[in-house]
Amino acid sequence: MSNTIDPKELKILSDILALVLEEHAGQSENALAAIRARAKKNQVTGGALKNLFSAIAPNPPPRP
């Protein structure tokens, strides 16, 4: 696994986590469908996101 964080993977992961906390189910479902399409377009897999989360959870990168 690379030590660099793919910005596309990080964006998709952050969007998914935000949707988990979203209260409006209809909006969340529509947004999740859009995220799925973007992930497919960018060839980002669920495994890649899981690995990314595992990599950054114990030592998150500094905020810009």
N, C-alpha and C. Protein backbone atom coordinates (compact mmCIF):
# COMPACT_ATOMS: atom_id res chain seq x y z
N MET A 1 0.84 -1.18 0.00
CA MET A 1 0.00 0.00 0.00
C MET A 1 0.89 1.24 0.00
N SER A 2 0.49 2.25 -0.75
CA SER A 2 1.26 3.48 -0.87
C SER A 2 1.08 4.35 0.38
N ASN A 3 2.09 5.16 0.66
CA ASN A 3 2.02 6.07 1.80
C ASN A 3 1.29 7.36 1.45
N THR A 4 0.98 7.57 0.17
CA THR A 4 0.27 8.78 -0.22
C THR A 4 -1.23 8.52 -0.23
N ILE A 5 -1.97 9.56 0.07
CA ILE A 5 -3.43 9.46 0.12
C ILE A 5 -3.98 9.99 -1.20
N ASP A 6 -4.79 9.16 -1.86
CA ASP A 6 -5.43 9.56 -3.11
C ASP A 6 -6.56 10.53 -2.77
N PRO A 7 -6.51 11.76 -3.27
CA PRO A 7 -7.55 12.74 -2.94
C PRO A 7 -8.95 12.29 -3.35
N LYS A 8 -9.06 11.55 -4.46
CA LYS A 8 -10.38 11.07 -4.89
C LYS A 8 -10.94 10.08 -3.89
N GLU A 9 -10.09 9.17 -3.41
CA GLU A 9 -10.53 8.19 -2.41
C GLU A 9 -10.93 8.89 -1.12
N LEU A 10 -10.14 9.87 -0.71
CA LEU A 10 -10.43 10.60 0.53
C LEU A 10 -11.74 11.36 0.42
N LYS A 11 -12.01 11.97 -0.73
CA LYS A 11 -13.25 12.72 -0.93
C LYS A 11 -14.45 11.78 -0.86
N ILE A 12 -14.35 10.63 -1.54
CA ILE A 12 -15.46 9.68 -1.52
C ILE A 12 -15.69 9.17 -0.10
N LEU A 13 -14.61 8.84 0.61
CA LEU A 13 -14.75 8.35 1.98
C LEU A 13 -15.39 9.41 2.87
N SER A 14 -14.96 10.65 2.76
CA SER A 14 -15.54 11.70 3.60
C SER A 14 -17.00 11.94 3.27
N ASP A 15 -17.37 11.85 1.98
CA ASP A 15 -18.77 12.01 1.60
C ASP A 15 -19.63 10.88 2.19
N ILE A 16 -19.12 9.66 2.14
CA ILE A 16 -19.86 8.53 2.69
C ILE A 16 -20.05 8.70 4.19
N LEU A 17 -19.00 9.08 4.89
CA LEU A 17 -19.11 9.26 6.34
C LEU A 17 -20.10 10.37 6.68
N ALA A 18 -20.12 11.44 5.88
CA ALA A 18 -21.08 12.52 6.11
C ALA A 18 -22.50 12.02 5.92
N LEU A 19 -22.71 11.16 4.92
CA LEU A 19 -24.05 10.64 4.68
C LEU A 19 -24.53 9.73 5.79
N VAL A 20 -23.62 9.04 6.43
CA VAL A 20 -23.99 8.16 7.55
C VAL A 20 -24.64 8.99 8.66
N LEU A 21 -24.19 10.22 8.81
CA LEU A 21 -24.72 11.09 9.87
C LEU A 21 -25.91 11.92 9.42
N GLU A 22 -26.23 11.89 8.13
CA GLU A 22 -27.31 12.68 7.57
C GLU A 22 -28.66 12.19 8.09
N GLU A 23 -29.54 13.13 8.39
CA GLU A 23 -30.85 12.78 8.94
C GLU A 23 -31.92 12.58 7.88
N HIS A 24 -31.73 13.11 6.70
CA HIS A 24 -32.76 13.07 5.66
C HIS A 24 -32.50 11.88 4.74
N ALA A 25 -33.27 10.82 4.94
CA ALA A 25 -33.02 9.56 4.22
C ALA A 25 -33.09 9.72 2.71
N GLY A 26 -34.07 10.41 2.18
CA GLY A 26 -34.21 10.56 0.73
C GLY A 26 -33.01 11.24 0.11
N GLN A 27 -32.57 12.32 0.72
CA GLN A 27 -31.40 13.04 0.22
C GLN A 27 -30.16 12.18 0.32
N SER A 28 -30.04 11.44 1.41
CA SER A 28 -28.87 10.58 1.59
C SER A 28 -28.83 9.49 0.53
N GLU A 29 -29.97 8.89 0.22
CA GLU A 29 -30.02 7.83 -0.78
C GLU A 29 -29.61 8.36 -2.15
N ASN A 30 -30.10 9.54 -2.52
CA ASN A 30 -29.74 10.13 -3.80
C ASN A 30 -28.26 10.47 -3.86
N ALA A 31 -27.75 11.03 -2.78
CA ALA A 31 -26.33 11.38 -2.74
C ALA A 31 -25.46 10.14 -2.77
N LEU A 32 -25.88 9.09 -2.08
CA LEU A 32 -25.12 7.84 -2.08
C LEU A 32 -25.06 7.24 -3.48
N ALA A 33 -26.15 7.32 -4.22
CA ALA A 33 -26.15 6.83 -5.60
C ALA A 33 -25.15 7.62 -6.45
N ALA A 34 -25.08 8.93 -6.24
CA ALA A 34 -24.12 9.76 -6.97
C ALA A 34 -22.69 9.40 -6.59
N ILE A 35 -22.46 9.12 -5.30
CA ILE A 35 -21.12 8.73 -4.84
C ILE A 35 -20.73 7.38 -5.44
N ARG A 36 -21.67 6.46 -5.50
CA ARG A 36 -21.39 5.16 -6.13
C ARG A 36 -20.97 5.34 -7.58
N ALA A 37 -21.69 6.19 -8.30
CA ALA A 37 -21.36 6.44 -9.71
C ALA A 37 -19.97 7.07 -9.83
N ARG A 38 -19.65 8.02 -8.95
CA ARG A 38 -18.34 8.67 -9.00
C ARG A 38 -17.24 7.67 -8.67
N ALA A 39 -17.47 6.81 -7.68
CA ALA A 39 -16.47 5.80 -7.32
C ALA A 39 -16.24 4.84 -8.48
N LYS A 40 -17.32 4.44 -9.13
CA LYS A 40 -17.19 3.53 -10.28
C LYS A 40 -16.40 4.20 -11.40
N LYS A 41 -16.72 5.47 -11.67
CA LYS A 41 -16.03 6.23 -12.72
C LYS A 41 -14.54 6.35 -12.41
N ASN A 42 -14.20 6.57 -11.15
CA ASN A 42 -12.80 6.74 -10.74
C ASN A 42 -12.12 5.42 -10.37
N GLN A 43 -12.84 4.31 -10.55
CA GLN A 43 -12.33 2.98 -10.25
C GLN A 43 -11.85 2.86 -8.81
N VAL A 44 -12.65 3.40 -7.89
CA VAL A 44 -12.37 3.31 -6.46
C VAL A 44 -13.25 2.19 -5.89
N THR A 45 -12.63 1.21 -5.26
CA THR A 45 -13.37 0.08 -4.72
C THR A 45 -13.64 0.27 -3.23
N GLY A 46 -14.56 -0.52 -2.73
CA GLY A 46 -14.82 -0.51 -1.29
C GLY A 46 -13.60 -0.93 -0.50
N GLY A 47 -12.84 -1.88 -1.04
CA GLY A 47 -11.61 -2.32 -0.37
C GLY A 47 -10.59 -1.21 -0.27
N ALA A 48 -10.50 -0.39 -1.33
CA ALA A 48 -9.56 0.73 -1.32
C ALA A 48 -9.95 1.74 -0.24
N LEU A 49 -11.25 1.99 -0.11
CA LEU A 49 -11.72 2.92 0.92
C LEU A 49 -11.49 2.36 2.31
N LYS A 50 -11.70 1.07 2.47
CA LYS A 50 -11.44 0.43 3.77
C LYS A 50 -9.97 0.55 4.13
N ASN A 51 -9.09 0.29 3.17
CA ASN A 51 -7.65 0.42 3.41
C ASN A 51 -7.27 1.86 3.74
N LEU A 52 -7.87 2.81 3.02
CA LEU A 52 -7.60 4.22 3.28
C LEU A 52 -8.01 4.59 4.70
N PHE A 53 -9.20 4.18 5.10
CA PHE A 53 -9.68 4.48 6.45
C PHE A 53 -8.76 3.85 7.49
N SER A 54 -8.36 2.62 7.26
CA SER A 54 -7.45 1.94 8.19
C SER A 54 -6.11 2.65 8.28
N ALA A 55 -5.67 3.23 7.17
CA ALA A 55 -4.38 3.91 7.15
C ALA A 55 -4.43 5.26 7.88
N ILE A 56 -5.54 5.99 7.73
CA ILE A 56 -5.57 7.34 8.31
C ILE A 56 -6.16 7.38 9.71
N ALA A 57 -6.94 6.38 10.10
CA ALA A 57 -7.58 6.41 11.41
C ALA A 57 -6.60 6.53 12.57
N PRO A 58 -5.51 5.73 12.61
CA PRO A 58 -4.60 5.85 13.75
C PRO A 58 -3.72 7.09 13.71
N ASN A 59 -3.52 7.68 12.54
CA ASN A 59 -2.63 8.83 12.41
C ASN A 59 -3.14 9.74 11.30
N PRO A 60 -4.18 10.53 11.57
CA PRO A 60 -4.77 11.35 10.51
C PRO A 60 -3.79 12.40 10.00
N PRO A 61 -3.88 12.73 8.71
CA PRO A 61 -3.01 13.77 8.16
C PRO A 61 -3.37 15.12 8.76
N PRO A 62 -2.43 16.05 8.80
CA PRO A 62 -2.74 17.38 9.34
C PRO A 62 -3.75 18.10 8.46
N ARG A 63 -4.55 18.95 9.08
CA ARG A 63 -5.53 19.74 8.33
C ARG A 63 -4.81 20.83 7.55
N PRO A 64 -5.31 21.12 6.34
CA PRO A 64 -4.67 22.19 5.54
C PRO A 64 -4.88 23.55 6.15
